[in-house]
């Protein structure tokens, strides 16, 4: 029994570290119990969320959880746009290049990178130019090439 409890506690601690960079920090029943950022409060939240999964609260919106702007399937492409924002904007003006090819791949596009690049080059003034940050650029690109990508 001691080994089972010890294994459970170890799994709880490891799960806490695995989600350390999650943008939904401040979400779940544990955060309703305490919102302090001390070691004791963190342990309390981890234990509470381990015994009472926050799934219900997330799906009903009652546990302080916010929806992400980008779905899990879009995270790779969104992160790519954020990391390569300036270089990508330059290549999209030309309609081709390694950044455009990598973006098409990250978005899981069925169409070739050349087709994506040409489309975004043609629509540059409506899609790329008005984007003031990576989030806007990704949203605009996603909307423009939605028929070409998965």
N, C-alpha and C. Protein backbone atom coordinates (compact mmCIF):
# COMPACT_ATOMS: atom_id res chain seq x y z
N UNK A 1 0.82 -1.19 0.00
CA UNK A 1 0.00 0.00 0.00
C UNK A 1 0.87 1.26 0.00
N UNK A 2 1.96 1.22 0.78
CA UNK A 2 2.86 2.37 0.81
C UNK A 2 3.45 2.63 -0.57
N UNK A 3 3.80 1.55 -1.26
CA UNK A 3 4.37 1.71 -2.60
C UNK A 3 3.37 2.32 -3.57
N UNK A 4 2.11 1.95 -3.43
CA UNK A 4 1.07 2.49 -4.29
C UNK A 4 0.89 3.99 -4.05
N UNK A 5 0.85 4.39 -2.79
CA UNK A 5 0.71 5.80 -2.45
C UNK A 5 1.94 6.58 -2.93
N UNK A 6 3.12 6.02 -2.72
CA UNK A 6 4.35 6.67 -3.15
C UNK A 6 4.39 6.81 -4.68
N UNK A 7 3.97 5.78 -5.38
CA UNK A 7 3.93 5.83 -6.85
C UNK A 7 2.94 6.89 -7.32
N UNK A 8 1.80 6.98 -6.65
CA UNK A 8 0.79 7.97 -7.02
C UNK A 8 1.33 9.39 -6.80
N UNK A 9 1.97 9.61 -5.68
CA UNK A 9 2.52 10.94 -5.40
C UNK A 9 3.62 11.30 -6.40
N UNK A 10 4.45 10.33 -6.75
CA UNK A 10 5.50 10.58 -7.74
C UNK A 10 4.89 10.93 -9.09
N UNK A 11 3.84 10.21 -9.47
CA UNK A 11 3.17 10.49 -10.75
C UNK A 11 2.54 11.88 -10.73
N UNK A 12 1.98 12.27 -9.60
CA UNK A 12 1.37 13.59 -9.48
C UNK A 12 2.42 14.69 -9.64
N UNK A 13 3.56 14.51 -9.00
CA UNK A 13 4.63 15.50 -9.10
C UNK A 13 5.15 15.57 -10.53
N UNK A 14 5.34 14.42 -11.18
CA UNK A 14 5.83 14.42 -12.56
C UNK A 14 4.82 15.06 -13.50
N UNK A 15 3.56 14.82 -13.28
CA UNK A 15 2.52 15.43 -14.12
C UNK A 15 2.53 16.94 -13.96
N UNK A 16 2.79 17.41 -12.75
CA UNK A 16 2.85 18.85 -12.51
C UNK A 16 3.98 19.49 -13.30
N UNK A 17 5.14 18.82 -13.33
CA UNK A 17 6.28 19.34 -14.09
C UNK A 17 6.03 19.24 -15.59
N UNK A 18 5.33 18.22 -16.03
CA UNK A 18 5.06 18.04 -17.46
C UNK A 18 4.19 19.17 -18.00
N UNK A 19 3.34 19.72 -17.19
CA UNK A 19 2.44 20.79 -17.62
C UNK A 19 2.92 22.17 -17.18
N UNK A 20 4.17 22.28 -16.81
CA UNK A 20 4.68 23.53 -16.25
C UNK A 20 4.55 24.71 -17.21
N UNK A 21 4.70 24.48 -18.51
CA UNK A 21 4.64 25.58 -19.46
C UNK A 21 3.28 25.80 -20.08
N UNK A 22 2.28 25.15 -19.57
CA UNK A 22 0.94 25.25 -20.13
C UNK A 22 0.39 26.65 -19.94
N UNK A 23 -0.26 27.19 -20.97
CA UNK A 23 -0.80 28.55 -20.90
C UNK A 23 -2.10 28.62 -20.11
N UNK A 24 -2.61 27.50 -19.63
CA UNK A 24 -3.85 27.52 -18.87
C UNK A 24 -3.59 27.59 -17.37
N UNK A 25 -2.45 28.14 -17.00
CA UNK A 25 -2.11 28.29 -15.59
C UNK A 25 -3.20 29.13 -14.92
N UNK A 26 -3.67 28.65 -13.78
CA UNK A 26 -4.72 29.36 -13.06
C UNK A 26 -6.08 28.76 -13.33
N UNK A 27 -6.11 27.51 -13.71
CA UNK A 27 -7.33 26.87 -14.15
C UNK A 27 -7.56 25.58 -13.37
N UNK A 28 -8.79 25.30 -13.02
CA UNK A 28 -9.13 24.04 -12.37
C UNK A 28 -9.54 24.24 -10.92
N UNK A 29 -10.05 23.17 -10.33
CA UNK A 29 -10.54 23.23 -8.96
C UNK A 29 -9.45 23.62 -7.98
N UNK A 30 -8.22 23.16 -8.22
CA UNK A 30 -7.11 23.51 -7.34
C UNK A 30 -6.91 25.02 -7.24
N UNK A 31 -7.12 25.73 -8.32
CA UNK A 31 -6.98 27.18 -8.31
C UNK A 31 -8.16 27.84 -7.62
N UNK A 32 -9.29 27.15 -7.54
CA UNK A 32 -10.43 27.69 -6.81
C UNK A 32 -10.17 27.57 -5.30
N UNK A 33 -9.38 26.56 -4.92
CA UNK A 33 -9.04 26.35 -3.51
C UNK A 33 -8.04 27.41 -3.06
N UNK A 34 -6.98 27.61 -3.83
CA UNK A 34 -5.97 28.61 -3.50
C UNK A 34 -5.31 29.12 -4.77
N UNK A 35 -5.06 30.43 -4.82
CA UNK A 35 -4.43 30.99 -6.01
C UNK A 35 -3.03 31.56 -5.72
N UNK A 36 -2.52 31.27 -4.54
CA UNK A 36 -1.17 31.73 -4.20
C UNK A 36 -0.14 30.92 -4.97
N UNK A 37 1.03 31.48 -5.16
CA UNK A 37 2.07 30.78 -5.92
C UNK A 37 3.21 30.35 -5.00
N UNK A 38 2.85 29.76 -3.87
CA UNK A 38 3.84 29.23 -2.95
C UNK A 38 3.96 27.73 -3.17
N UNK A 39 4.99 27.14 -2.60
CA UNK A 39 5.19 25.70 -2.72
C UNK A 39 4.00 24.93 -2.14
N UNK A 40 3.54 25.34 -0.96
CA UNK A 40 2.41 24.66 -0.31
C UNK A 40 1.15 24.79 -1.16
N UNK A 41 0.90 25.98 -1.69
CA UNK A 41 -0.29 26.18 -2.52
C UNK A 41 -0.21 25.35 -3.80
N UNK A 42 0.97 25.29 -4.39
CA UNK A 42 1.16 24.50 -5.60
C UNK A 42 0.91 23.02 -5.33
N UNK A 43 1.42 22.54 -4.22
CA UNK A 43 1.21 21.14 -3.84
C UNK A 43 -0.27 20.87 -3.60
N UNK A 44 -0.94 21.80 -2.93
CA UNK A 44 -2.38 21.65 -2.68
C UNK A 44 -3.15 21.61 -3.99
N UNK A 45 -2.83 22.52 -4.91
CA UNK A 45 -3.50 22.53 -6.22
C UNK A 45 -3.25 21.24 -6.98
N UNK A 46 -2.00 20.79 -6.98
CA UNK A 46 -1.66 19.55 -7.69
C UNK A 46 -2.42 18.36 -7.14
N UNK A 47 -2.50 18.27 -5.83
CA UNK A 47 -3.22 17.17 -5.20
C UNK A 47 -4.72 17.27 -5.50
N UNK A 48 -5.27 18.46 -5.37
CA UNK A 48 -6.70 18.65 -5.64
C UNK A 48 -7.03 18.30 -7.08
N UNK A 49 -6.23 18.79 -8.02
CA UNK A 49 -6.50 18.51 -9.43
C UNK A 49 -6.25 17.05 -9.78
N UNK A 50 -5.39 16.37 -9.02
CA UNK A 50 -5.16 14.95 -9.27
C UNK A 50 -6.35 14.11 -8.83
N UNK A 51 -6.95 14.48 -7.72
CA UNK A 51 -8.09 13.71 -7.20
C UNK A 51 -9.42 14.14 -7.83
N UNK A 52 -9.52 15.39 -8.21
CA UNK A 52 -10.74 15.88 -8.85
C UNK A 52 -10.33 16.50 -10.19
N UNK A 53 -10.32 15.70 -11.25
CA UNK A 53 -9.87 16.22 -12.55
C UNK A 53 -10.68 17.45 -12.98
N UNK A 54 -10.01 18.44 -13.55
CA UNK A 54 -10.70 19.67 -13.92
C UNK A 54 -11.48 19.59 -15.23
N UNK A 55 -11.61 18.41 -15.79
CA UNK A 55 -12.30 18.27 -17.07
C UNK A 55 -13.71 18.84 -17.04
N UNK A 56 -14.46 18.53 -16.00
CA UNK A 56 -15.83 19.04 -15.90
C UNK A 56 -15.83 20.57 -15.87
N UNK A 57 -14.96 21.13 -15.07
CA UNK A 57 -14.91 22.59 -14.98
C UNK A 57 -14.49 23.24 -16.28
N UNK A 58 -13.58 22.61 -17.01
CA UNK A 58 -13.15 23.17 -18.29
C UNK A 58 -14.27 23.13 -19.31
N UNK A 59 -14.97 22.02 -19.36
CA UNK A 59 -16.02 21.88 -20.38
C UNK A 59 -17.24 22.73 -20.06
N UNK A 60 -17.50 22.97 -18.80
CA UNK A 60 -18.67 23.78 -18.45
C UNK A 60 -18.30 25.25 -18.22
N UNK A 61 -17.00 25.54 -18.16
CA UNK A 61 -16.57 26.92 -17.97
C UNK A 61 -16.74 27.43 -16.56
N UNK A 62 -16.75 26.54 -15.58
CA UNK A 62 -16.99 26.96 -14.20
C UNK A 62 -15.74 26.97 -13.33
N UNK A 63 -14.59 26.67 -13.88
CA UNK A 63 -13.38 26.58 -13.06
C UNK A 63 -12.33 27.63 -13.42
N UNK A 64 -12.74 28.69 -14.07
CA UNK A 64 -11.80 29.75 -14.40
C UNK A 64 -10.89 29.42 -15.57
N UNK A 65 -11.26 28.45 -16.38
CA UNK A 65 -10.44 28.04 -17.51
C UNK A 65 -10.82 28.83 -18.75
N UNK A 66 -9.82 29.35 -19.43
CA UNK A 66 -10.07 30.08 -20.67
C UNK A 66 -9.81 29.16 -21.85
N UNK A 67 -10.51 29.41 -22.93
CA UNK A 67 -10.26 28.67 -24.16
C UNK A 67 -9.05 29.28 -24.83
N UNK A 68 -8.23 28.44 -25.43
CA UNK A 68 -7.09 28.93 -26.18
C UNK A 68 -7.57 29.49 -27.52
N UNK A 69 -6.86 30.48 -28.02
CA UNK A 69 -7.19 31.03 -29.33
C UNK A 69 -6.90 30.03 -30.44
N UNK A 70 -5.92 29.20 -30.20
CA UNK A 70 -5.47 28.25 -31.20
C UNK A 70 -5.71 26.84 -30.70
N UNK A 71 -6.28 26.00 -31.54
CA UNK A 71 -6.52 24.61 -31.18
C UNK A 71 -5.23 23.83 -31.09
N UNK A 72 -5.28 22.68 -30.46
CA UNK A 72 -4.10 21.85 -30.29
C UNK A 72 -3.49 21.46 -31.63
N UNK A 73 -4.33 21.24 -32.63
CA UNK A 73 -3.82 20.85 -33.94
C UNK A 73 -3.08 21.99 -34.63
N UNK A 74 -3.35 23.21 -34.24
CA UNK A 74 -2.73 24.38 -34.86
C UNK A 74 -1.49 24.86 -34.11
N UNK A 75 -1.20 24.26 -33.01
CA UNK A 75 -0.13 24.77 -32.15
C UNK A 75 1.23 24.80 -32.86
N UNK A 76 1.57 23.73 -33.57
CA UNK A 76 2.86 23.68 -34.25
C UNK A 76 2.99 24.83 -35.26
N UNK A 77 1.97 24.99 -36.08
CA UNK A 77 2.01 26.05 -37.10
C UNK A 77 1.99 27.43 -36.45
N UNK A 78 1.19 27.60 -35.42
CA UNK A 78 1.12 28.88 -34.72
C UNK A 78 2.47 29.24 -34.09
N UNK A 79 3.10 28.26 -33.45
CA UNK A 79 4.42 28.49 -32.86
C UNK A 79 5.46 28.81 -33.94
N UNK A 80 5.35 28.13 -35.09
CA UNK A 80 6.28 28.39 -36.19
C UNK A 80 6.15 29.83 -36.67
N UNK A 81 4.92 30.29 -36.85
CA UNK A 81 4.70 31.68 -37.30
C UNK A 81 5.24 32.66 -36.26
N UNK A 82 5.02 32.37 -34.98
CA UNK A 82 5.51 33.26 -33.93
C UNK A 82 7.03 33.33 -33.91
N UNK A 83 7.67 32.19 -34.11
CA UNK A 83 9.13 32.13 -34.06
C UNK A 83 9.77 32.80 -35.28
N UNK A 84 9.13 32.69 -36.42
CA UNK A 84 9.72 33.15 -37.68
C UNK A 84 8.93 34.30 -38.31
N UNK A 85 8.31 35.11 -37.50
CA UNK A 85 7.38 36.15 -37.96
C UNK A 85 7.97 37.04 -39.06
N UNK A 86 9.10 37.68 -38.80
CA UNK A 86 9.66 38.64 -39.76
C UNK A 86 10.15 37.97 -41.03
N UNK A 87 10.88 36.86 -40.89
CA UNK A 87 11.38 36.15 -42.07
C UNK A 87 10.24 35.61 -42.91
N UNK A 88 9.22 35.11 -42.25
CA UNK A 88 8.07 34.56 -42.96
C UNK A 88 7.33 35.65 -43.74
N UNK A 89 7.16 36.82 -43.13
CA UNK A 89 6.49 37.92 -43.84
C UNK A 89 7.27 38.31 -45.10
N UNK A 90 8.59 38.33 -45.01
CA UNK A 90 9.41 38.67 -46.18
C UNK A 90 9.25 37.64 -47.28
N UNK A 91 9.29 36.37 -46.92
CA UNK A 91 9.16 35.32 -47.93
C UNK A 91 7.75 35.26 -48.51
N UNK A 92 6.75 35.57 -47.71
CA UNK A 92 5.38 35.56 -48.23
C UNK A 92 5.19 36.66 -49.27
N UNK A 93 5.95 37.74 -49.16
CA UNK A 93 5.89 38.79 -50.19
C UNK A 93 6.42 38.26 -51.51
N UNK A 94 7.43 37.38 -51.44
CA UNK A 94 7.99 36.76 -52.64
C UNK A 94 7.17 35.55 -53.09
N UNK A 95 6.44 34.95 -52.17
CA UNK A 95 5.60 33.80 -52.50
C UNK A 95 6.30 32.47 -52.47
N UNK A 96 7.55 32.44 -52.03
CA UNK A 96 8.28 31.17 -51.97
C UNK A 96 9.47 31.30 -51.02
N UNK A 97 10.03 30.15 -50.67
CA UNK A 97 11.20 30.11 -49.82
C UNK A 97 11.07 29.01 -48.77
N UNK A 98 12.14 28.80 -48.04
CA UNK A 98 12.15 27.70 -47.06
C UNK A 98 11.18 27.94 -45.91
N UNK A 99 10.97 29.18 -45.53
CA UNK A 99 10.02 29.46 -44.45
C UNK A 99 8.58 29.17 -44.90
N UNK A 100 8.28 29.49 -46.14
CA UNK A 100 6.94 29.20 -46.68
C UNK A 100 6.73 27.69 -46.78
N UNK A 101 7.76 26.98 -47.24
CA UNK A 101 7.67 25.51 -47.34
C UNK A 101 7.46 24.89 -45.97
N UNK A 102 8.21 25.36 -44.98
CA UNK A 102 8.08 24.82 -43.62
C UNK A 102 6.71 25.16 -43.03
N UNK A 103 6.19 26.34 -43.32
CA UNK A 103 4.86 26.72 -42.83
C UNK A 103 3.80 25.80 -43.41
N UNK A 104 3.86 25.55 -44.72
CA UNK A 104 2.90 24.65 -45.36
C UNK A 104 2.95 23.27 -44.73
N UNK A 105 4.14 22.81 -44.44
CA UNK A 105 4.30 21.50 -43.78
C UNK A 105 3.72 21.52 -42.37
N UNK A 106 4.02 22.57 -41.61
CA UNK A 106 3.52 22.67 -40.23
C UNK A 106 2.00 22.76 -40.19
N UNK A 107 1.41 23.35 -41.24
CA UNK A 107 -0.05 23.48 -41.28
C UNK A 107 -0.72 22.22 -41.82
N UNK A 108 0.09 21.27 -42.29
CA UNK A 108 -0.47 20.03 -42.82
C UNK A 108 -1.21 20.25 -44.13
N UNK A 109 -0.70 21.15 -44.94
CA UNK A 109 -1.40 21.48 -46.19
C UNK A 109 -1.32 20.34 -47.19
N UNK A 110 -2.45 20.06 -47.81
CA UNK A 110 -2.52 19.07 -48.87
C UNK A 110 -1.85 19.62 -50.13
N UNK A 111 -2.02 20.88 -50.35
CA UNK A 111 -1.47 21.52 -51.54
C UNK A 111 0.04 21.70 -51.39
N UNK A 112 0.70 21.95 -52.49
CA UNK A 112 2.14 22.16 -52.45
C UNK A 112 2.45 23.51 -51.81
N UNK A 113 3.67 23.62 -51.32
CA UNK A 113 4.11 24.87 -50.71
C UNK A 113 4.09 26.00 -51.73
N UNK A 114 4.37 25.68 -53.01
CA UNK A 114 4.34 26.70 -54.05
C UNK A 114 2.94 27.27 -54.22
N UNK A 115 1.94 26.39 -54.16
CA UNK A 115 0.56 26.84 -54.31
C UNK A 115 0.17 27.75 -53.14
N UNK A 116 0.57 27.35 -51.93
CA UNK A 116 0.29 28.15 -50.74
C UNK A 116 1.00 29.50 -50.85
N UNK A 117 2.29 29.46 -51.22
CA UNK A 117 3.07 30.69 -51.36
C UNK A 117 2.48 31.64 -52.39
N UNK A 118 2.08 31.09 -53.54
CA UNK A 118 1.48 31.93 -54.59
C UNK A 118 0.18 32.56 -54.12
N UNK A 119 -0.64 31.77 -53.45
CA UNK A 119 -1.92 32.30 -52.96
C UNK A 119 -1.71 33.43 -51.95
N UNK A 120 -0.78 33.20 -51.01
CA UNK A 120 -0.53 34.22 -49.99
C UNK A 120 0.16 35.45 -50.58
N UNK A 121 0.97 35.25 -51.63
CA UNK A 121 1.58 36.39 -52.31
C UNK A 121 0.51 37.23 -53.00
N UNK A 122 -0.43 36.57 -53.66
CA UNK A 122 -1.52 37.28 -54.34
C UNK A 122 -2.40 38.05 -53.34
N UNK A 123 -2.59 37.47 -52.17
CA UNK A 123 -3.45 38.09 -51.16
C UNK A 123 -2.65 38.81 -50.07
N UNK A 124 -1.40 39.13 -50.35
CA UNK A 124 -0.49 39.69 -49.36
C UNK A 124 -1.08 40.92 -48.67
N UNK A 125 -1.65 41.83 -49.44
CA UNK A 125 -2.17 43.08 -48.86
C UNK A 125 -3.36 42.86 -47.93
N UNK A 126 -4.08 41.77 -48.11
CA UNK A 126 -5.24 41.48 -47.26
C UNK A 126 -4.92 40.52 -46.12
N UNK A 127 -3.89 39.68 -46.31
CA UNK A 127 -3.60 38.63 -45.34
C UNK A 127 -2.39 38.96 -44.48
N UNK A 128 -1.27 39.28 -45.13
CA UNK A 128 0.00 39.43 -44.41
C UNK A 128 0.22 40.86 -43.93
N UNK A 129 0.06 41.82 -44.80
CA UNK A 129 0.38 43.22 -44.47
C UNK A 129 -0.37 43.75 -43.25
N UNK A 130 -1.67 43.47 -43.09
CA UNK A 130 -2.37 44.03 -41.93
C UNK A 130 -2.03 43.37 -40.59
N UNK A 131 -1.38 42.23 -40.63
CA UNK A 131 -1.07 41.51 -39.38
C UNK A 131 0.01 42.24 -38.60
N UNK A 132 -0.32 42.65 -37.39
CA UNK A 132 0.63 43.37 -36.56
C UNK A 132 1.41 42.47 -35.62
N UNK A 133 0.96 41.22 -35.48
CA UNK A 133 1.69 40.27 -34.64
C UNK A 133 1.51 38.87 -35.21
N UNK A 134 2.22 37.92 -34.63
CA UNK A 134 2.21 36.55 -35.15
C UNK A 134 0.84 35.90 -35.04
N UNK A 135 0.12 36.20 -33.99
CA UNK A 135 -1.21 35.62 -33.81
C UNK A 135 -2.16 36.06 -34.91
N UNK A 136 -2.13 37.35 -35.23
CA UNK A 136 -2.97 37.86 -36.32
C UNK A 136 -2.56 37.27 -37.66
N UNK A 137 -1.24 37.17 -37.87
CA UNK A 137 -0.75 36.61 -39.13
C UNK A 137 -1.20 35.17 -39.28
N UNK A 138 -1.06 34.38 -38.23
CA UNK A 138 -1.47 32.98 -38.31
C UNK A 138 -2.97 32.86 -38.58
N UNK A 139 -3.77 33.65 -37.89
CA UNK A 139 -5.22 33.61 -38.10
C UNK A 139 -5.59 33.98 -39.53
N UNK A 140 -4.95 35.01 -40.05
CA UNK A 140 -5.22 35.44 -41.43
C UNK A 140 -4.81 34.38 -42.44
N UNK A 141 -3.62 33.80 -42.23
CA UNK A 141 -3.14 32.75 -43.14
C UNK A 141 -4.07 31.56 -43.10
N UNK A 142 -4.43 31.15 -41.89
CA UNK A 142 -5.30 29.98 -41.74
C UNK A 142 -6.63 30.19 -42.45
N UNK A 143 -7.21 31.37 -42.31
CA UNK A 143 -8.48 31.66 -42.97
C UNK A 143 -8.33 31.68 -44.49
N UNK A 144 -7.21 32.22 -44.97
CA UNK A 144 -7.02 32.36 -46.41
C UNK A 144 -6.77 31.03 -47.11
N UNK A 145 -6.03 30.14 -46.47
CA UNK A 145 -5.67 28.87 -47.12
C UNK A 145 -6.49 27.69 -46.58
N UNK A 146 -7.59 27.98 -45.92
CA UNK A 146 -8.36 26.92 -45.26
C UNK A 146 -8.80 25.83 -46.23
N UNK A 147 -9.10 26.16 -47.46
CA UNK A 147 -9.51 25.14 -48.43
C UNK A 147 -8.35 24.30 -48.94
N UNK A 148 -7.13 24.80 -48.76
CA UNK A 148 -5.96 24.09 -49.26
C UNK A 148 -5.31 23.22 -48.20
N UNK A 149 -5.59 23.50 -46.94
CA UNK A 149 -4.95 22.78 -45.84
C UNK A 149 -5.97 21.96 -45.08
N UNK A 150 -5.44 20.97 -44.36
CA UNK A 150 -6.29 20.09 -43.55
C UNK A 150 -6.89 20.87 -42.41
